[in-house]
Amino acid sequence: KEELGGLKNVLMKHERVIVVADEIYEHINYVGSHASMAQF
């Protein structure tokens, strides 16, 4: 979530940019939880 937040702060300055967030592997995850750019 922190790493996505860092990228999000950059993207906030560029309103034309759409994020295509491919989360197809969401559940095959070994860190306990999935973070999505859409949570911001």
PDB file of all heavy atoms in Angstrom:
ATOM      1  N   LYS A   1       0.835  -1.202   0.000  1.00  0.00           N
ATOM      2  CA  LYS A   1       0.000   0.000   0.000  1.00  0.00           C
ATOM      3  C   LYS A   1       0.873   1.256   0.000  1.00  0.00           C
ATOM      4  O   LYS A   1       0.576   2.240  -0.692  1.00  0.00           O
ATOM      5  CB  LYS A   1      -0.926  -0.001   1.213  1.00  0.00           C
ATOM      6  CG  LYS A   1      -1.877   1.182   1.230  1.00  0.00           C
ATOM      7  CD  LYS A   1      -2.848   1.136   2.405  1.00  0.00           C
ATOM      8  CE  LYS A   1      -3.786   2.349   2.359  1.00  0.00           C
ATOM      9  NZ  LYS A   1      -4.745   2.368   3.471  1.00  0.00           N
ATOM     10  N   GLU A   2       1.976   1.226   0.749  1.00  0.00           N
ATOM     11  CA  GLU A   2       2.878   2.389   0.819  1.00  0.00           C
ATOM     12  C   GLU A   2       3.535   2.654  -0.536  1.00  0.00           C
ATOM     13  O   GLU A   2       3.645   3.810  -0.969  1.00  0.00           O
ATOM     14  CB  GLU A   2       3.969   2.157   1.876  1.00  0.00           C
ATOM     15  CG  GLU A   2       3.469   2.111   3.313  1.00  0.00           C
ATOM     16  CD  GLU A   2       2.619   0.884   3.635  1.00  0.00           C
ATOM     17  OE1 GLU A   2       2.858  -0.192   3.038  1.00  0.00           O
ATOM     18  OE2 GLU A   2       1.670   1.019   4.459  1.00  0.00           O
ATOM     19  N   GLU A   3       3.963   1.584  -1.208  1.00  0.00           N
ATOM     20  CA  GLU A   3       4.597   1.745  -2.528  1.00  0.00           C
ATOM     21  C   GLU A   3       3.594   2.285  -3.551  1.00  0.00           C
ATOM     22  O   GLU A   3       3.920   3.163  -4.354  1.00  0.00           O
ATOM     23  CB  GLU A   3       5.175   0.404  -2.990  1.00  0.00           C
ATOM     24  CG  GLU A   3       6.423   0.014  -2.210  1.00  0.00           C
ATOM     25  CD  GLU A   3       6.823  -1.437  -2.404  1.00  0.00           C
ATOM     26  OE1 GLU A   3       5.969  -2.287  -2.718  1.00  0.00           O
ATOM     27  OE2 GLU A   3       8.023  -1.736  -2.222  1.00  0.00           O
ATOM     28  N   LEU A   4       2.363   1.765  -3.512  1.00  0.00           N
ATOM     29  CA  LEU A   4       1.331   2.287  -4.412  1.00  0.00           C
ATOM     30  C   LEU A   4       1.039   3.751  -4.096  1.00  0.00           C
ATOM     31  O   LEU A   4       0.830   4.563  -5.001  1.00  0.00           O
ATOM     32  CB  LEU A   4       0.041   1.467  -4.289  1.00  0.00           C
ATOM     33  CG  LEU A   4       0.070   0.039  -4.849  1.00  0.00           C
ATOM     34  CD1 LEU A   4      -1.266  -0.639  -4.608  1.00  0.00           C
ATOM     35  CD2 LEU A   4       0.395   0.029  -6.338  1.00  0.00           C
ATOM     36  N   GLY A   5       1.056   4.085  -2.811  1.00  0.00           N
ATOM     37  CA  GLY A   5       0.807   5.468  -2.401  1.00  0.00           C
ATOM     38  C   GLY A   5       1.848   6.423  -2.976  1.00  0.00           C
ATOM     39  O   GLY A   5       1.526   7.542  -3.393  1.00  0.00           O
ATOM     40  N   GLY A   6       3.096   5.969  -3.017  1.00  0.00           N
ATOM     41  CA  GLY A   6       4.166   6.790  -3.596  1.00  0.00           C
ATOM     42  C   GLY A   6       3.938   7.046  -5.075  1.00  0.00           C
ATOM     43  O   GLY A   6       4.133   8.168  -5.573  1.00  0.00           O
ATOM     44  N   LEU A   7       3.510   6.007  -5.796  1.00  0.00           N
ATOM     45  CA  LEU A   7       3.211   6.168  -7.223  1.00  0.00           C
ATOM     46  C   LEU A   7       1.983   7.056  -7.408  1.00  0.00           C
ATOM     47  O   LEU A   7       1.934   7.902  -8.313  1.00  0.00           O
ATOM     48  CB  LEU A   7       2.973   4.797  -7.871  1.00  0.00           C
ATOM     49  CG  LEU A   7       4.139   3.798  -7.823  1.00  0.00           C
ATOM     50  CD1 LEU A   7       3.730   2.476  -8.465  1.00  0.00           C
ATOM     51  CD2 LEU A   7       5.381   4.351  -8.523  1.00  0.00           C
ATOM     52  N   LYS A   8       0.997   6.862  -6.543  1.00  0.00           N
ATOM     53  CA  LYS A   8      -0.241   7.650  -6.623  1.00  0.00           C
ATOM     54  C   LYS A   8       0.041   9.139  -6.462  1.00  0.00           C
ATOM     55  O   LYS A   8      -0.525   9.986  -7.182  1.00  0.00           O
ATOM     56  CB  LYS A   8      -1.220   7.165  -5.548  1.00  0.00           C
ATOM     57  CG  LYS A   8      -2.598   7.795  -5.590  1.00  0.00           C
ATOM     58  CD  LYS A   8      -2.762   9.016  -4.719  1.00  0.00           C
ATOM     59  CE  LYS A   8      -2.572   8.734  -3.243  1.00  0.00           C
ATOM     60  NZ  LYS A   8      -2.888   9.956  -2.445  1.00  0.00           N
ATOM     61  N   ASN A   9       0.954   9.491  -5.543  1.00  0.00           N
ATOM     62  CA  ASN A   9       1.279  10.910  -5.327  1.00  0.00           C
ATOM     63  C   ASN A   9       1.855  11.555  -6.588  1.00  0.00           C
ATOM     64  O   ASN A   9       1.610  12.737  -6.859  1.00  0.00           O
ATOM     65  CB  ASN A   9       2.259  11.057  -4.161  1.00  0.00           C
ATOM     66  CG  ASN A   9       1.608  10.713  -2.828  1.00  0.00           C
ATOM     67  OD1 ASN A   9       0.381  10.747  -2.711  1.00  0.00           O
ATOM     68  ND2 ASN A   9       2.413  10.354  -1.834  1.00  0.00           N
ATOM     69  N   VAL A  10       2.605  10.766  -7.355  1.00  0.00           N
ATOM     70  CA  VAL A  10       3.120  11.271  -8.640  1.00  0.00           C
ATOM     71  C   VAL A  10       1.964  11.453  -9.628  1.00  0.00           C
ATOM     72  O   VAL A  10       1.841  12.480 -10.296  1.00  0.00           O
ATOM     73  CB  VAL A  10       4.175  10.304  -9.229  1.00  0.00           C
ATOM     74  CG1 VAL A  10       4.546  10.702 -10.652  1.00  0.00           C
ATOM     75  CG2 VAL A  10       5.418  10.267  -8.336  1.00  0.00           C
ATOM     76  N   LEU A  11       1.102  10.441  -9.709  1.00  0.00           N
ATOM     77  CA  LEU A  11       0.008  10.463 -10.684  1.00  0.00           C
ATOM     78  C   LEU A  11      -0.991  11.580 -10.417  1.00  0.00           C
ATOM     79  O   LEU A  11      -1.629  12.079 -11.354  1.00  0.00           O
ATOM     80  CB  LEU A  11      -0.712   9.101 -10.677  1.00  0.00           C
ATOM     81  CG  LEU A  11       0.134   7.925 -11.188  1.00  0.00           C
ATOM     82  CD1 LEU A  11      -0.501   6.600 -10.806  1.00  0.00           C
ATOM     83  CD2 LEU A  11       0.322   8.006 -12.703  1.00  0.00           C
ATOM     84  N   MET A  12      -1.118  11.995  -9.159  1.00  0.00           N
ATOM     85  CA  MET A  12      -2.068  13.064  -8.827  1.00  0.00           C
ATOM     86  C   MET A  12      -1.715  14.372  -9.542  1.00  0.00           C
ATOM     87  O   MET A  12      -2.570  15.222  -9.768  1.00  0.00           O
ATOM     88  CB  MET A  12      -2.115  13.295  -7.314  1.00  0.00           C
ATOM     89  CG  MET A  12      -2.779  12.177  -6.517  1.00  0.00           C
ATOM     90  SD  MET A  12      -4.398  11.714  -7.123  1.00  0.00           S
ATOM     91  CE  MET A  12      -5.307  13.242  -6.852  1.00  0.00           C
ATOM     92  N   LYS A  13      -0.429  14.512  -9.915  1.00  0.00           N
ATOM     93  CA  LYS A  13       0.004  15.740 -10.605  1.00  0.00           C
ATOM     94  C   LYS A  13      -0.294  15.686 -12.105  1.00  0.00           C
ATOM     95  O   LYS A  13      -0.090  16.662 -12.813  1.00  0.00           O
ATOM     96  CB  LYS A  13       1.505  15.956 -10.394  1.00  0.00           C
ATOM     97  CG  LYS A  13       1.914  16.173  -8.939  1.00  0.00           C
ATOM     98  CD  LYS A  13       3.412  16.410  -8.826  1.00  0.00           C
ATOM     99  CE  LYS A  13       4.126  15.143  -8.452  1.00  0.00           C
ATOM    100  NZ  LYS A  13       5.581  15.293  -8.325  1.00  0.00           N
ATOM    101  N   HIS A  14      -0.755  14.536 -12.583  1.00  0.00           N
ATOM    102  CA  HIS A  14      -0.930  14.343 -14.027  1.00  0.00           C
ATOM    103  C   HIS A  14      -2.329  13.782 -14.277  1.00  0.00           C
ATOM    104  O   HIS A  14      -2.518  12.563 -14.386  1.00  0.00           O
ATOM    105  CB  HIS A  14       0.151  13.402 -14.573  1.00  0.00           C
ATOM    106  CG  HIS A  14       1.547  13.854 -14.272  1.00  0.00           C
ATOM    107  ND1 HIS A  14       2.211  14.787 -15.038  1.00  0.00           N
ATOM    108  CD2 HIS A  14       2.401  13.531 -13.268  1.00  0.00           C
ATOM    109  CE1 HIS A  14       3.421  15.003 -14.527  1.00  0.00           C
ATOM    110  NE2 HIS A  14       3.561  14.251 -13.451  1.00  0.00           N
ATOM    111  N   GLU A  15      -3.295  14.671 -14.408  1.00  0.00           N
ATOM    112  CA  GLU A  15      -4.704  14.276 -14.406  1.00  0.00           C
ATOM    113  C   GLU A  15      -5.126  13.447 -15.608  1.00  0.00           C
ATOM    114  O   GLU A  15      -6.152  12.771 -15.564  1.00  0.00           O
ATOM    115  CB  GLU A  15      -5.592  15.528 -14.314  1.00  0.00           C
ATOM    116  CG  GLU A  15      -5.516  16.217 -12.972  1.00  0.00           C
ATOM    117  CD  GLU A  15      -6.426  17.430 -12.895  1.00  0.00           C
ATOM    118  OE1 GLU A  15      -7.179  17.664 -13.869  1.00  0.00           O
ATOM    119  OE2 GLU A  15      -6.377  18.125 -11.868  1.00  0.00           O
ATOM    120  N   ARG A  16      -4.344  13.482 -16.685  1.00  0.00           N
ATOM    121  CA  ARG A  16      -4.745  12.771 -17.901  1.00  0.00           C
ATOM    122  C   ARG A  16      -4.450  11.265 -17.823  1.00  0.00           C
ATOM    123  O   ARG A  16      -4.972  10.473 -18.616  1.00  0.00           O
ATOM    124  CB  ARG A  16      -3.990  13.398 -19.096  1.00  0.00           C
ATOM    125  CG  ARG A  16      -4.417  12.876 -20.438  1.00  0.00           C
ATOM    126  CD  ARG A  16      -3.840  13.712 -21.575  1.00  0.00           C
ATOM    127  NE  ARG A  16      -4.262  13.166 -22.861  1.00  0.00           N
ATOM    128  CZ  ARG A  16      -3.536  12.347 -23.609  1.00  0.00           C
ATOM    129  NH1 ARG A  16      -2.318  12.001 -23.223  1.00  0.00           N
ATOM    130  NH2 ARG A  16      -3.998  11.896 -24.763  1.00  0.00           N
ATOM    131  N   VAL A  17      -3.631  10.867 -16.843  1.00  0.00           N
ATOM    132  CA  VAL A  17      -3.137   9.482 -16.815  1.00  0.00           C
ATOM    133  C   VAL A  17      -4.134   8.552 -16.108  1.00  0.00           C
ATOM    134  O   VAL A  17      -4.509   8.776 -14.961  1.00  0.00           O
ATOM    135  CB  VAL A  17      -1.761   9.400 -16.121  1.00  0.00           C
ATOM    136  CG1 VAL A  17      -1.231   7.965 -16.151  1.00  0.00           C
ATOM    137  CG2 VAL A  17      -0.770  10.348 -16.784  1.00  0.00           C
ATOM    138  N   ILE A  18      -4.531   7.505 -16.816  1.00  0.00           N
ATOM    139  CA  ILE A  18      -5.404   6.454 -16.276  1.00  0.00           C
ATOM    140  C   ILE A  18      -4.518   5.293 -15.792  1.00  0.00           C
ATOM    141  O   ILE A  18      -3.544   4.935 -16.460  1.00  0.00           O
ATOM    142  CB  ILE A  18      -6.353   5.909 -17.369  1.00  0.00           C
ATOM    143  CG1 ILE A  18      -7.119   7.043 -18.054  1.00  0.00           C
ATOM    144  CG2 ILE A  18      -7.284   4.842 -16.818  1.00  0.00           C
ATOM    145  CD1 ILE A  18      -8.159   7.711 -17.236  1.00  0.00           C
ATOM    146  N   VAL A  19      -4.857   4.707 -14.649  1.00  0.00           N
ATOM    147  CA  VAL A  19      -4.123   3.538 -14.154  1.00  0.00           C
ATOM    148  C   VAL A  19      -4.894   2.282 -14.532  1.00  0.00           C
ATOM    149  O   VAL A  19      -6.060   2.113 -14.142  1.00  0.00           O
ATOM    150  CB  VAL A  19      -3.933   3.577 -12.623  1.00  0.00           C
ATOM    151  CG1 VAL A  19      -3.137   2.357 -12.153  1.00  0.00           C
ATOM    152  CG2 VAL A  19      -3.238   4.865 -12.200  1.00  0.00           C
ATOM    153  N   VAL A  20      -4.257   1.411 -15.315  1.00  0.00           N
ATOM    154  CA  VAL A  20      -4.837   0.109 -15.641  1.00  0.00           C
ATOM    155  C   VAL A  20      -4.213  -0.886 -14.666  1.00  0.00           C
ATOM    156  O   VAL A  20      -3.041  -1.257 -14.795  1.00  0.00           O
ATOM    157  CB  VAL A  20      -4.548  -0.279 -17.109  1.00  0.00           C
ATOM    158  CG1 VAL A  20      -5.181  -1.621 -17.446  1.00  0.00           C
ATOM    159  CG2 VAL A  20      -5.057   0.805 -18.055  1.00  0.00           C
ATOM    160  N   ALA A  21      -4.992  -1.269 -13.640  1.00  0.00           N
ATOM    161  CA  ALA A  21      -4.468  -2.077 -12.531  1.00  0.00           C
ATOM    162  C   ALA A  21      -4.842  -3.539 -12.735  1.00  0.00           C
ATOM    163  O   ALA A  21      -5.978  -3.953 -12.476  1.00  0.00           O
ATOM    164  CB  ALA A  21      -5.026  -1.559 -11.207  1.00  0.00           C
ATOM    165  N   ASP A  22      -3.892  -4.318 -13.231  1.00  0.00           N
ATOM    166  CA  ASP A  22      -4.125  -5.742 -13.490  1.00  0.00           C
ATOM    167  C   ASP A  22      -3.918  -6.512 -12.183  1.00  0.00           C
ATOM    168  O   ASP A  22      -2.784  -6.672 -11.711  1.00  0.00           O
ATOM    169  CB  ASP A  22      -3.164  -6.227 -14.579  1.00  0.00           C
ATOM    170  CG  ASP A  22      -3.450  -7.657 -15.014  1.00  0.00           C
ATOM    171  OD1 ASP A  22      -4.198  -8.366 -14.314  1.00  0.00           O
ATOM    172  OD2 ASP A  22      -2.911  -8.071 -16.060  1.00  0.00           O
ATOM    173  N   GLU A  23      -5.033  -6.997 -11.610  1.00  0.00           N
ATOM    174  CA  GLU A  23      -4.988  -7.655 -10.296  1.00  0.00           C
ATOM    175  C   GLU A  23      -5.399  -9.121 -10.383  1.00  0.00           C
ATOM    176  O   GLU A  23      -5.879  -9.697  -9.409  1.00  0.00           O
ATOM    177  CB  GLU A  23      -5.891  -6.883  -9.322  1.00  0.00           C
ATOM    178  CG  GLU A  23      -5.485  -5.412  -9.193  1.00  0.00           C
ATOM    179  CD  GLU A  23      -6.318  -4.617  -8.187  1.00  0.00           C
ATOM    180  OE1 GLU A  23      -7.199  -5.213  -7.542  1.00  0.00           O
ATOM    181  OE2 GLU A  23      -6.069  -3.400  -8.065  1.00  0.00           O
ATOM    182  N   ILE A  24      -5.160  -9.738 -11.534  1.00  0.00           N
ATOM    183  CA  ILE A  24      -5.619 -11.110 -11.762  1.00  0.00           C
ATOM    184  C   ILE A  24      -4.970 -12.111 -10.795  1.00  0.00           C
ATOM    185  O   ILE A  24      -5.547 -13.145 -10.484  1.00  0.00           O
ATOM    186  CB  ILE A  24      -5.395 -11.523 -13.242  1.00  0.00           C
ATOM    187  CG1 ILE A  24      -6.104 -12.833 -13.585  1.00  0.00           C
ATOM    188  CG2 ILE A  24      -3.916 -11.620 -13.577  1.00  0.00           C
ATOM    189  CD1 ILE A  24      -7.606 -12.769 -13.606  1.00  0.00           C
ATOM    190  N   TYR A  25      -3.777 -11.791 -10.281  1.00  0.00           N
ATOM    191  CA  TYR A  25      -3.104 -12.705  -9.343  1.00  0.00           C
ATOM    192  C   TYR A  25      -3.372 -12.330  -7.877  1.00  0.00           C
ATOM    193  O   TYR A  25      -2.673 -12.792  -6.975  1.00  0.00           O
ATOM    194  CB  TYR A  25      -1.586 -12.720  -9.595  1.00  0.00           C
ATOM    195  CG  TYR A  25      -1.214 -13.345 -10.913  1.00  0.00           C
ATOM    196  CD1 TYR A  25      -1.033 -12.572 -12.050  1.00  0.00           C
ATOM    197  CD2 TYR A  25      -1.062 -14.725 -11.037  1.00  0.00           C
ATOM    198  CE1 TYR A  25      -0.715 -13.147 -13.279  1.00  0.00           C
ATOM    199  CE2 TYR A  25      -0.744 -15.320 -12.254  1.00  0.00           C
ATOM    200  CZ  TYR A  25      -0.574 -14.525 -13.370  1.00  0.00           C
ATOM    201  OH  TYR A  25      -0.263 -15.111 -14.574  1.00  0.00           O
ATOM    202  N   GLU A  26      -4.367 -11.495  -7.655  1.00  0.00           N
ATOM    203  CA  GLU A  26      -4.664 -10.953  -6.319  1.00  0.00           C
ATOM    204  C   GLU A  26      -4.569 -11.987  -5.195  1.00  0.00           C
ATOM    205  O   GLU A  26      -3.964 -11.739  -4.151  1.00  0.00           O
ATOM    206  CB  GLU A  26      -6.087 -10.360  -6.340  1.00  0.00           C
ATOM    207  CG  GLU A  26      -6.623  -9.987  -4.978  1.00  0.00           C
ATOM    208  CD  GLU A  26      -8.104  -9.620  -5.006  1.00  0.00           C
ATOM    209  OE1 GLU A  26      -8.746  -9.715  -6.073  1.00  0.00           O
ATOM    210  OE2 GLU A  26      -8.613  -9.229  -3.951  1.00  0.00           O
ATOM    211  N   HIS A  27      -5.186 -13.151  -5.378  1.00  0.00           N
ATOM    212  CA  HIS A  27      -5.285 -14.117  -4.280  1.00  0.00           C
ATOM    213  C   HIS A  27      -4.061 -15.023  -4.163  1.00  0.00           C
ATOM    214  O   HIS A  27      -3.941 -15.759  -3.184  1.00  0.00           O
ATOM    215  CB  HIS A  27      -6.545 -14.958  -4.434  1.00  0.00           C
ATOM    216  CG  HIS A  27      -7.787 -14.192  -4.091  1.00  0.00           C
ATOM    217  ND1 HIS A  27      -8.016 -13.684  -2.835  1.00  0.00           N
ATOM    218  CD2 HIS A  27      -8.846 -13.815  -4.846  1.00  0.00           C
ATOM    219  CE1 HIS A  27      -9.169 -13.046  -2.820  1.00  0.00           C
ATOM    220  NE2 HIS A  27      -9.693 -13.104  -4.028  1.00  0.00           N
ATOM    221  N   ILE A  28      -3.172 -14.978  -5.150  1.00  0.00           N
ATOM    222  CA  ILE A  28      -1.943 -15.788  -5.038  1.00  0.00           C
ATOM    223  C   ILE A  28      -0.876 -14.844  -4.498  1.00  0.00           C
ATOM    224  O   ILE A  28      -0.083 -14.275  -5.226  1.00  0.00           O
ATOM    225  CB  ILE A  28      -1.591 -16.435  -6.385  1.00  0.00           C
ATOM    226  CG1 ILE A  28      -2.803 -17.230  -6.891  1.00  0.00           C
ATOM    227  CG2 ILE A  28      -0.391 -17.367  -6.238  1.00  0.00           C
ATOM    228  CD1 ILE A  28      -2.654 -17.748  -8.295  1.00  0.00           C
ATOM    229  N   ASN A  29      -0.897 -14.706  -3.190  1.00  0.00           N
ATOM    230  CA  ASN A  29      -0.234 -13.601  -2.500  1.00  0.00           C
ATOM    231  C   ASN A  29       0.341 -14.142  -1.197  1.00  0.00           C
ATOM    232  O   ASN A  29      -0.376 -14.819  -0.448  1.00  0.00           O
ATOM    233  CB  ASN A  29      -1.331 -12.547  -2.246  1.00  0.00           C
ATOM    234  CG  ASN A  29      -0.827 -11.291  -1.606  1.00  0.00           C
ATOM    235  OD1 ASN A  29      -0.032 -11.329  -0.680  1.00  0.00           O
ATOM    236  ND2 ASN A  29      -1.320 -10.160  -2.061  1.00  0.00           N
ATOM    237  N   TYR A  30       1.616 -13.867  -0.953  1.00  0.00           N
ATOM    238  CA  TYR A  30       2.283 -14.450   0.229  1.00  0.00           C
ATOM    239  C   TYR A  30       2.627 -13.399   1.276  1.00  0.00           C
ATOM    240  O   TYR A  30       3.433 -13.652   2.177  1.00  0.00           O
ATOM    241  CB  TYR A  30       3.557 -15.196  -0.201  1.00  0.00           C
ATOM    242  CG  TYR A  30       3.342 -16.050  -1.431  1.00  0.00           C
ATOM    243  CD1 TYR A  30       4.148 -15.918  -2.564  1.00  0.00           C
ATOM    244  CD2 TYR A  30       2.290 -16.971  -1.480  1.00  0.00           C
ATOM    245  CE1 TYR A  30       3.925 -16.682  -3.703  1.00  0.00           C
ATOM    246  CE2 TYR A  30       2.056 -17.730  -2.616  1.00  0.00           C
ATOM    247  CZ  TYR A  30       2.875 -17.582  -3.726  1.00  0.00           C
ATOM    248  OH  TYR A  30       2.639 -18.329  -4.854  1.00  0.00           O
ATOM    249  N   VAL A  31       2.028 -12.214   1.155  1.00  0.00           N
ATOM    250  CA  VAL A  31       2.321 -11.148   2.129  1.00  0.00           C
ATOM    251  C   VAL A  31       1.110 -10.839   3.009  1.00  0.00           C
ATOM    252  O   VAL A  31       1.141  -9.923   3.811  1.00  0.00           O
ATOM    253  CB  VAL A  31       2.813  -9.854   1.444  1.00  0.00           C
ATOM    254  CG1 VAL A  31       4.196 -10.058   0.858  1.00  0.00           C
ATOM    255  CG2 VAL A  31       1.851  -9.382   0.364  1.00  0.00           C
ATOM    256  N   GLY A  32       0.047 -11.607   2.825  1.00  0.00           N
ATOM    257  CA  GLY A  32      -1.075 -11.477   3.755  1.00  0.00           C
ATOM    258  C   GLY A  32      -2.223 -10.624   3.281  1.00  0.00           C
ATOM    259  O   GLY A  32      -3.361 -10.883   3.626  1.00  0.00           O
ATOM    260  N   SER A  33      -1.948  -9.591   2.485  1.00  0.00           N
ATOM    261  CA  SER A  33      -3.068  -8.772   2.024  1.00  0.00           C
ATOM    262  C   SER A  33      -2.740  -8.150   0.680  1.00  0.00           C
ATOM    263  O   SER A  33      -1.575  -7.922   0.354  1.00  0.00           O
ATOM    264  CB  SER A  33      -3.378  -7.666   3.038  1.00  0.00           C
ATOM    265  OG  SER A  33      -2.275  -6.788   3.146  1.00  0.00           O
ATOM    266  N   HIS A  34      -3.796  -7.882  -0.088  1.00  0.00           N
ATOM    267  CA  HIS A  34      -3.643  -7.304  -1.421  1.00  0.00           C
ATOM    268  C   HIS A  34      -3.943  -5.811  -1.358  1.00  0.00           C
ATOM    269  O   HIS A  34      -4.942  -5.401  -0.757  1.00  0.00           O
ATOM    270  CB  HIS A  34      -4.612  -7.992  -2.390  1.00  0.00           C
ATOM    271  CG  HIS A  34      -4.690  -7.327  -3.727  1.00  0.00           C
ATOM    272  ND1 HIS A  34      -3.686  -7.429  -4.661  1.00  0.00           N
ATOM    273  CD2 HIS A  34      -5.637  -6.536  -4.287  1.00  0.00           C
ATOM    274  CE1 HIS A  34      -4.018  -6.739  -5.740  1.00  0.00           C
ATOM    275  NE2 HIS A  34      -5.205  -6.183  -5.536  1.00  0.00           N
ATOM    276  N   ALA A  35      -3.085  -5.025  -1.964  1.00  0.00           N
ATOM    277  CA  ALA A  35      -3.309  -3.573  -2.034  1.00  0.00           C
ATOM    278  C   ALA A  35      -3.682  -3.202  -3.468  1.00  0.00           C
ATOM    279  O   ALA A  35      -3.075  -3.682  -4.420  1.00  0.00           O
ATOM    280  CB  ALA A  35      -2.051  -2.831  -1.608  1.00  0.00           C
ATOM    281  N   SER A  36      -4.700  -2.343  -3.597  1.00  0.00           N
ATOM    282  CA  SER A  36      -5.157  -1.898  -4.914  1.00  0.00           C
ATOM    283  C   SER A  36      -5.016  -0.387  -5.033  1.00  0.00           C
ATOM    284  O   SER A  36      -5.271   0.341  -4.072  1.00  0.00           O
ATOM    285  CB  SER A  36      -6.627  -2.283  -5.117  1.00  0.00           C
ATOM    286  OG  SER A  36      -7.125  -1.710  -6.314  1.00  0.00           O
ATOM    287  N   MET A  37      -4.635   0.077  -6.207  1.00  0.00           N
ATOM    288  CA  MET A  37      -4.552   1.529  -6.437  1.00  0.00           C
ATOM    289  C   MET A  37      -5.918   2.191  -6.222  1.00  0.00           C
ATOM    290  O   MET A  37      -6.009   3.365  -5.861  1.00  0.00           O
ATOM    291  CB  MET A  37      -4.037   1.788  -7.849  1.00  0.00           C
ATOM    292  CG  MET A  37      -3.686   3.229  -8.132  1.00  0.00           C
ATOM    293  SD  MET A  37      -2.314   3.881  -7.131  1.00  0.00           S
ATOM    294  CE  MET A  37      -0.898   3.497  -8.188  1.00  0.00           C
ATOM    295  N   ALA A  38      -6.998   1.413  -6.413  1.00  0.00           N
ATOM    296  CA  ALA A  38      -8.349   1.977  -6.281  1.00  0.00           C
ATOM    297  C   ALA A  38      -8.735   2.263  -4.827  1.00  0.00           C
ATOM    298  O   ALA A  38      -9.767   2.875  -4.574  1.00  0.00           O
ATOM    299  CB  ALA A  38      -9.371   1.038  -6.921  1.00  0.00           C
ATOM    300  N   GLN A  39      -7.905   1.811  -3.873  1.00  0.00           N
ATOM    301  CA  GLN A  39      -8.252   2.081  -2.469  1.00  0.00           C
ATOM    302  C   GLN A  39      -7.985   3.538  -2.078  1.00  0.00           C
ATOM    303  O   GLN A  39      -8.427   3.988  -1.022  1.00  0.00           O
ATOM    304  CB  GLN A  39      -7.485   1.147  -1.539  1.00  0.00           C
ATOM    305  CG  GLN A  39      -5.983   1.428  -1.441  1.00  0.00           C
ATOM    306  CD  GLN A  39      -5.230   0.285  -0.783  1.00  0.00           C
ATOM    307  OE1 GLN A  39      -5.618  -0.177   0.270  1.00  0.00           O
ATOM    308  NE2 GLN A  39      -4.178  -0.192  -1.422  1.00  0.00           N
ATOM    309  N   PHE A  40      -7.280   4.282  -2.947  1.00  0.00           N
ATOM    310  CA  PHE A  40      -7.035   5.707  -2.682  1.00  0.00           C
ATOM    311  C   PHE A  40      -8.168   6.519  -3.312  1.00  0.00           C
ATOM    312  O   PHE A  40      -8.281   6.601  -4.538  1.00  0.00           O
ATOM    313  CB  PHE A  40      -5.680   6.137  -3.259  1.00  0.00           C
ATOM    314  CG  PHE A  40      -4.517   5.369  -2.692  1.00  0.00           C
ATOM    315  CD1 PHE A  40      -3.843   4.433  -3.473  1.00  0.00           C
ATOM    316  CD2 PHE A  40      -4.101   5.563  -1.384  1.00  0.00           C
ATOM    317  CE1 PHE A  40      -2.764   3.714  -2.959  1.00  0.00           C
ATOM    318  CE2 PHE A  40      -3.019   4.845  -0.859  1.00  0.00           C
ATOM    319  CZ  PHE A  40      -2.362   3.921  -1.646  1.00  0.00           C
TER     320      PHE A  40
END
